[in-house]
């Protein structure tokens, strides 16, 4: 994917507020590439400006925590989201309560 695509993904990701999450698919749709969820994941993996660009706030479409390459891995991702007030149901984010509506 192009750096323009990554830049657009990072710009959207930076707008996800504390206490909310977005899905990889949601970000892909918002940048105009609805079939590029995996490319969004790659952008998050290569995020050069964490935590300014809060890649920990991006989750799978079913609320599962996936792909967090920073120190502490998925346990750290969950810890950060819980500290921010994201609601969980078991090991998954409760998307009915915590999904960013991009308003």
N, C-alpha and C. Protein backbone atom coordinates (compact mmCIF):
# COMPACT_ATOMS: atom_id res chain seq x y z
N UNK A 1 0.84 -1.18 0.00
CA UNK A 1 0.00 0.00 0.00
C UNK A 1 0.88 1.24 0.00
N UNK A 2 0.33 2.30 -0.47
CA UNK A 2 1.09 3.54 -0.59
C UNK A 2 1.19 4.26 0.74
N UNK A 3 2.18 5.14 0.82
CA UNK A 3 2.32 5.94 2.03
C UNK A 3 1.13 6.89 2.18
N UNK A 4 0.49 7.27 1.07
CA UNK A 4 -0.70 8.11 1.15
C UNK A 4 -1.82 7.35 1.87
N UNK A 5 -1.99 6.08 1.57
CA UNK A 5 -2.97 5.25 2.26
C UNK A 5 -2.67 5.22 3.75
N UNK A 6 -1.42 4.93 4.11
CA UNK A 6 -1.02 4.88 5.52
C UNK A 6 -1.29 6.22 6.19
N UNK A 7 -0.94 7.31 5.53
CA UNK A 7 -1.16 8.65 6.10
C UNK A 7 -2.64 8.89 6.38
N UNK A 8 -3.49 8.47 5.47
CA UNK A 8 -4.93 8.64 5.67
C UNK A 8 -5.43 7.80 6.84
N UNK A 9 -4.92 6.58 6.95
CA UNK A 9 -5.28 5.71 8.07
C UNK A 9 -4.82 6.33 9.38
N UNK A 10 -3.58 6.81 9.42
CA UNK A 10 -3.05 7.43 10.65
C UNK A 10 -3.86 8.66 11.04
N UNK A 11 -4.27 9.44 10.06
CA UNK A 11 -5.07 10.63 10.34
C UNK A 11 -6.40 10.26 10.99
N UNK A 12 -7.05 9.24 10.48
CA UNK A 12 -8.30 8.77 11.08
C UNK A 12 -8.07 8.19 12.46
N UNK A 13 -7.06 7.37 12.58
CA UNK A 13 -6.78 6.71 13.85
C UNK A 13 -6.52 7.75 14.94
N UNK A 14 -5.87 8.83 14.61
CA UNK A 14 -5.56 9.88 15.58
C UNK A 14 -6.83 10.54 16.12
N UNK A 15 -7.94 10.39 15.40
CA UNK A 15 -9.21 10.99 15.81
C UNK A 15 -10.05 10.10 16.71
N UNK A 16 -9.64 8.84 16.90
CA UNK A 16 -10.41 7.93 17.77
C UNK A 16 -10.26 8.43 19.20
N UNK A 17 -11.36 8.80 19.84
CA UNK A 17 -11.25 9.39 21.18
C UNK A 17 -10.94 8.35 22.27
N UNK A 18 -10.44 8.83 23.36
CA UNK A 18 -10.22 7.99 24.53
C UNK A 18 -11.56 7.37 24.92
N UNK A 19 -11.53 6.08 25.22
CA UNK A 19 -12.74 5.37 25.62
C UNK A 19 -13.49 4.74 24.47
N UNK A 20 -12.99 4.90 23.25
CA UNK A 20 -13.62 4.33 22.06
C UNK A 20 -12.60 3.53 21.27
N UNK A 21 -13.09 2.65 20.41
CA UNK A 21 -12.25 1.88 19.50
C UNK A 21 -12.85 1.96 18.10
N UNK A 22 -12.03 1.66 17.12
CA UNK A 22 -12.48 1.48 15.74
C UNK A 22 -12.03 0.09 15.31
N UNK A 23 -12.66 -0.43 14.27
CA UNK A 23 -12.22 -1.72 13.74
C UNK A 23 -11.34 -1.48 12.51
N UNK A 24 -10.54 -2.48 12.19
CA UNK A 24 -9.70 -2.39 11.00
C UNK A 24 -10.58 -2.16 9.77
N UNK A 25 -11.69 -2.88 9.69
CA UNK A 25 -12.61 -2.74 8.56
C UNK A 25 -13.22 -1.34 8.50
N UNK A 26 -13.60 -0.83 9.65
CA UNK A 26 -14.19 0.50 9.72
C UNK A 26 -13.21 1.55 9.16
N UNK A 27 -11.96 1.48 9.56
CA UNK A 27 -10.96 2.43 9.06
C UNK A 27 -10.74 2.25 7.56
N UNK A 28 -10.71 1.00 7.11
CA UNK A 28 -10.54 0.75 5.67
C UNK A 28 -11.68 1.38 4.88
N UNK A 29 -12.91 1.21 5.35
CA UNK A 29 -14.07 1.82 4.67
C UNK A 29 -13.96 3.34 4.67
N UNK A 30 -13.56 3.92 5.80
CA UNK A 30 -13.49 5.37 5.91
C UNK A 30 -12.44 6.00 4.99
N UNK A 31 -11.39 5.23 4.65
CA UNK A 31 -10.39 5.76 3.72
C UNK A 31 -10.72 5.40 2.28
N UNK A 32 -11.89 4.77 2.08
CA UNK A 32 -12.32 4.48 0.71
C UNK A 32 -11.83 3.17 0.14
N UNK A 33 -11.31 2.29 0.99
CA UNK A 33 -10.81 0.99 0.54
C UNK A 33 -11.39 -0.12 1.42
N UNK A 34 -12.67 -0.41 1.29
CA UNK A 34 -13.34 -1.32 2.23
C UNK A 34 -12.78 -2.74 2.28
N UNK A 35 -11.99 -3.12 1.31
CA UNK A 35 -11.42 -4.47 1.32
C UNK A 35 -9.97 -4.47 1.82
N UNK A 36 -9.55 -3.36 2.40
CA UNK A 36 -8.14 -3.21 2.80
C UNK A 36 -7.92 -3.30 4.31
N UNK A 37 -8.71 -4.12 4.99
CA UNK A 37 -8.56 -4.25 6.45
C UNK A 37 -7.17 -4.71 6.85
N UNK A 38 -6.61 -5.64 6.09
CA UNK A 38 -5.26 -6.14 6.42
C UNK A 38 -4.21 -5.05 6.21
N UNK A 39 -4.42 -4.20 5.21
CA UNK A 39 -3.50 -3.09 4.98
C UNK A 39 -3.58 -2.08 6.14
N UNK A 40 -4.78 -1.90 6.70
CA UNK A 40 -4.91 -1.06 7.88
C UNK A 40 -4.11 -1.67 9.03
N UNK A 41 -4.20 -2.98 9.17
CA UNK A 41 -3.41 -3.68 10.19
C UNK A 41 -1.92 -3.47 10.00
N UNK A 42 -1.48 -3.51 8.75
CA UNK A 42 -0.06 -3.27 8.47
C UNK A 42 0.33 -1.85 8.84
N UNK A 43 -0.56 -0.90 8.55
CA UNK A 43 -0.29 0.49 8.93
C UNK A 43 -0.15 0.61 10.44
N UNK A 44 -1.02 -0.07 11.17
CA UNK A 44 -0.94 -0.01 12.63
C UNK A 44 0.37 -0.63 13.12
N UNK A 45 0.78 -1.72 12.49
CA UNK A 45 2.03 -2.38 12.88
C UNK A 45 3.23 -1.46 12.66
N UNK A 46 3.17 -0.66 11.60
CA UNK A 46 4.29 0.22 11.25
C UNK A 46 4.14 1.63 11.82
N UNK A 47 3.15 1.84 12.68
CA UNK A 47 2.85 3.15 13.24
C UNK A 47 4.11 3.83 13.79
N UNK A 48 4.55 4.92 13.15
CA UNK A 48 5.78 5.57 13.60
C UNK A 48 5.56 6.56 14.74
N UNK A 49 4.30 6.83 15.09
CA UNK A 49 4.02 7.88 16.07
C UNK A 49 3.14 7.43 17.22
N UNK A 50 3.30 6.19 17.66
CA UNK A 50 2.56 5.76 18.85
C UNK A 50 3.16 6.47 20.06
N UNK A 51 2.43 6.90 21.01
CA UNK A 51 0.99 6.79 21.19
C UNK A 51 0.20 7.97 20.63
N UNK A 52 0.86 8.92 19.96
CA UNK A 52 0.12 10.03 19.35
C UNK A 52 -0.95 9.50 18.40
N UNK A 53 -0.58 8.50 17.63
CA UNK A 53 -1.55 7.78 16.79
C UNK A 53 -1.88 6.50 17.57
N UNK A 54 -3.05 6.47 18.20
CA UNK A 54 -3.37 5.40 19.16
C UNK A 54 -3.77 4.08 18.52
N UNK A 55 -2.79 3.37 17.97
CA UNK A 55 -3.08 2.12 17.28
C UNK A 55 -3.68 1.08 18.22
N UNK A 56 -3.49 1.24 19.53
CA UNK A 56 -4.08 0.28 20.48
C UNK A 56 -5.61 0.38 20.48
N UNK A 57 -6.17 1.43 19.89
CA UNK A 57 -7.62 1.60 19.84
C UNK A 57 -8.24 0.98 18.59
N UNK A 58 -7.50 0.16 17.87
CA UNK A 58 -8.03 -0.50 16.67
C UNK A 58 -8.11 -2.00 16.97
N UNK A 59 -9.31 -2.56 16.74
CA UNK A 59 -9.58 -3.96 17.08
C UNK A 59 -10.22 -4.66 15.90
N UNK A 60 -10.37 -5.97 16.02
CA UNK A 60 -11.02 -6.77 14.98
C UNK A 60 -12.52 -6.45 14.93
N UNK A 61 -13.16 -6.83 13.85
CA UNK A 61 -14.59 -6.53 13.65
C UNK A 61 -15.50 -7.19 14.68
N UNK A 62 -15.01 -8.24 15.36
CA UNK A 62 -15.81 -8.89 16.40
C UNK A 62 -15.41 -8.40 17.80
N UNK A 63 -14.55 -7.39 17.86
CA UNK A 63 -14.11 -6.85 19.15
C UNK A 63 -12.88 -7.52 19.72
N UNK A 64 -12.35 -8.53 19.03
CA UNK A 64 -11.17 -9.22 19.53
C UNK A 64 -9.94 -8.32 19.44
N UNK A 65 -9.06 -8.50 20.39
CA UNK A 65 -7.79 -7.78 20.36
C UNK A 65 -6.81 -8.57 19.50
N UNK A 66 -6.26 -7.90 18.52
CA UNK A 66 -5.31 -8.56 17.63
C UNK A 66 -4.14 -7.63 17.37
N UNK A 67 -3.03 -8.21 17.00
CA UNK A 67 -1.90 -7.51 16.45
C UNK A 67 -1.39 -6.29 17.19
N UNK A 68 -0.90 -6.46 18.39
CA UNK A 68 -0.29 -5.34 19.09
C UNK A 68 1.17 -5.67 19.30
N UNK A 69 2.05 -4.99 18.58
CA UNK A 69 3.47 -5.37 18.58
C UNK A 69 4.31 -4.61 19.59
N UNK A 70 3.72 -3.66 20.31
CA UNK A 70 4.48 -2.91 21.31
C UNK A 70 4.77 -3.80 22.53
N UNK A 71 5.65 -3.33 23.38
CA UNK A 71 6.03 -4.08 24.56
C UNK A 71 4.79 -4.42 25.40
N UNK A 72 4.70 -5.66 25.82
CA UNK A 72 3.57 -6.12 26.62
C UNK A 72 2.50 -6.81 25.80
N UNK A 73 2.55 -6.66 24.48
CA UNK A 73 1.63 -7.35 23.59
C UNK A 73 0.17 -7.08 23.88
N UNK A 74 -0.66 -8.09 23.64
CA UNK A 74 -2.11 -7.93 23.76
C UNK A 74 -2.54 -7.64 25.20
N UNK A 75 -1.81 -8.16 26.18
CA UNK A 75 -2.15 -7.86 27.58
C UNK A 75 -2.01 -6.36 27.85
N UNK A 76 -0.97 -5.76 27.29
CA UNK A 76 -0.77 -4.32 27.45
C UNK A 76 -1.85 -3.54 26.70
N UNK A 77 -2.22 -4.01 25.52
CA UNK A 77 -3.28 -3.36 24.75
C UNK A 77 -4.57 -3.35 25.55
N UNK A 78 -4.93 -4.50 26.13
CA UNK A 78 -6.15 -4.58 26.93
C UNK A 78 -6.06 -3.66 28.14
N UNK A 79 -4.93 -3.67 28.81
CA UNK A 79 -4.73 -2.81 29.98
C UNK A 79 -4.93 -1.34 29.62
N UNK A 80 -4.35 -0.90 28.51
CA UNK A 80 -4.48 0.48 28.08
C UNK A 80 -5.94 0.83 27.78
N UNK A 81 -6.63 -0.07 27.08
CA UNK A 81 -8.03 0.19 26.74
C UNK A 81 -8.91 0.24 28.00
N UNK A 82 -8.66 -0.66 28.94
CA UNK A 82 -9.42 -0.64 30.19
C UNK A 82 -9.18 0.66 30.95
N UNK A 83 -7.94 1.12 30.98
CA UNK A 83 -7.62 2.39 31.65
C UNK A 83 -8.36 3.56 31.00
N UNK A 84 -8.60 3.47 29.71
CA UNK A 84 -9.28 4.54 28.98
C UNK A 84 -10.80 4.44 29.08
N UNK A 85 -11.30 3.37 29.68
CA UNK A 85 -12.74 3.24 29.86
C UNK A 85 -13.45 2.42 28.80
N UNK A 86 -12.71 1.72 27.97
CA UNK A 86 -13.32 0.85 26.96
C UNK A 86 -13.98 -0.32 27.69
N UNK A 87 -15.19 -0.68 27.27
CA UNK A 87 -15.97 -1.73 27.91
C UNK A 87 -15.66 -3.07 27.24
N UNK A 88 -15.43 -4.08 28.06
CA UNK A 88 -15.15 -5.44 27.58
C UNK A 88 -16.26 -6.39 27.99
N UNK A 89 -16.46 -7.39 27.16
CA UNK A 89 -17.28 -8.56 27.49
C UNK A 89 -16.35 -9.75 27.38
N UNK A 90 -15.84 -10.22 28.49
CA UNK A 90 -14.83 -11.27 28.47
C UNK A 90 -13.53 -10.71 27.90
N UNK A 91 -13.02 -11.35 26.88
CA UNK A 91 -11.76 -10.93 26.27
C UNK A 91 -11.95 -10.00 25.08
N UNK A 92 -13.20 -9.71 24.72
CA UNK A 92 -13.47 -8.87 23.56
C UNK A 92 -14.05 -7.53 23.98
N UNK A 93 -13.78 -6.52 23.16
CA UNK A 93 -14.37 -5.20 23.38
C UNK A 93 -15.87 -5.28 23.08
N UNK A 94 -16.66 -4.68 23.94
CA UNK A 94 -18.10 -4.58 23.71
C UNK A 94 -18.32 -3.45 22.71
N UNK A 95 -18.47 -3.81 21.45
CA UNK A 95 -18.58 -2.80 20.39
C UNK A 95 -19.87 -2.00 20.47
N UNK A 96 -20.91 -2.54 21.09
CA UNK A 96 -22.13 -1.76 21.24
C UNK A 96 -21.91 -0.57 22.18
N UNK A 97 -20.98 -0.72 23.11
CA UNK A 97 -20.70 0.34 24.08
C UNK A 97 -19.51 1.21 23.68
N UNK A 98 -18.54 0.64 22.99
CA UNK A 98 -17.27 1.34 22.81
C UNK A 98 -16.86 1.63 21.38
N UNK A 99 -17.70 1.32 20.39
CA UNK A 99 -17.32 1.57 19.01
C UNK A 99 -17.42 3.05 18.68
N UNK A 100 -16.37 3.60 18.10
CA UNK A 100 -16.31 4.99 17.67
C UNK A 100 -17.28 5.18 16.51
N UNK A 101 -18.08 6.21 16.59
CA UNK A 101 -19.08 6.47 15.56
C UNK A 101 -18.59 7.45 14.49
N UNK A 102 -17.38 7.99 14.64
CA UNK A 102 -16.80 8.93 13.67
C UNK A 102 -17.72 10.11 13.41
N UNK A 103 -18.14 10.73 14.47
CA UNK A 103 -19.04 11.88 14.35
C UNK A 103 -18.29 13.18 14.38
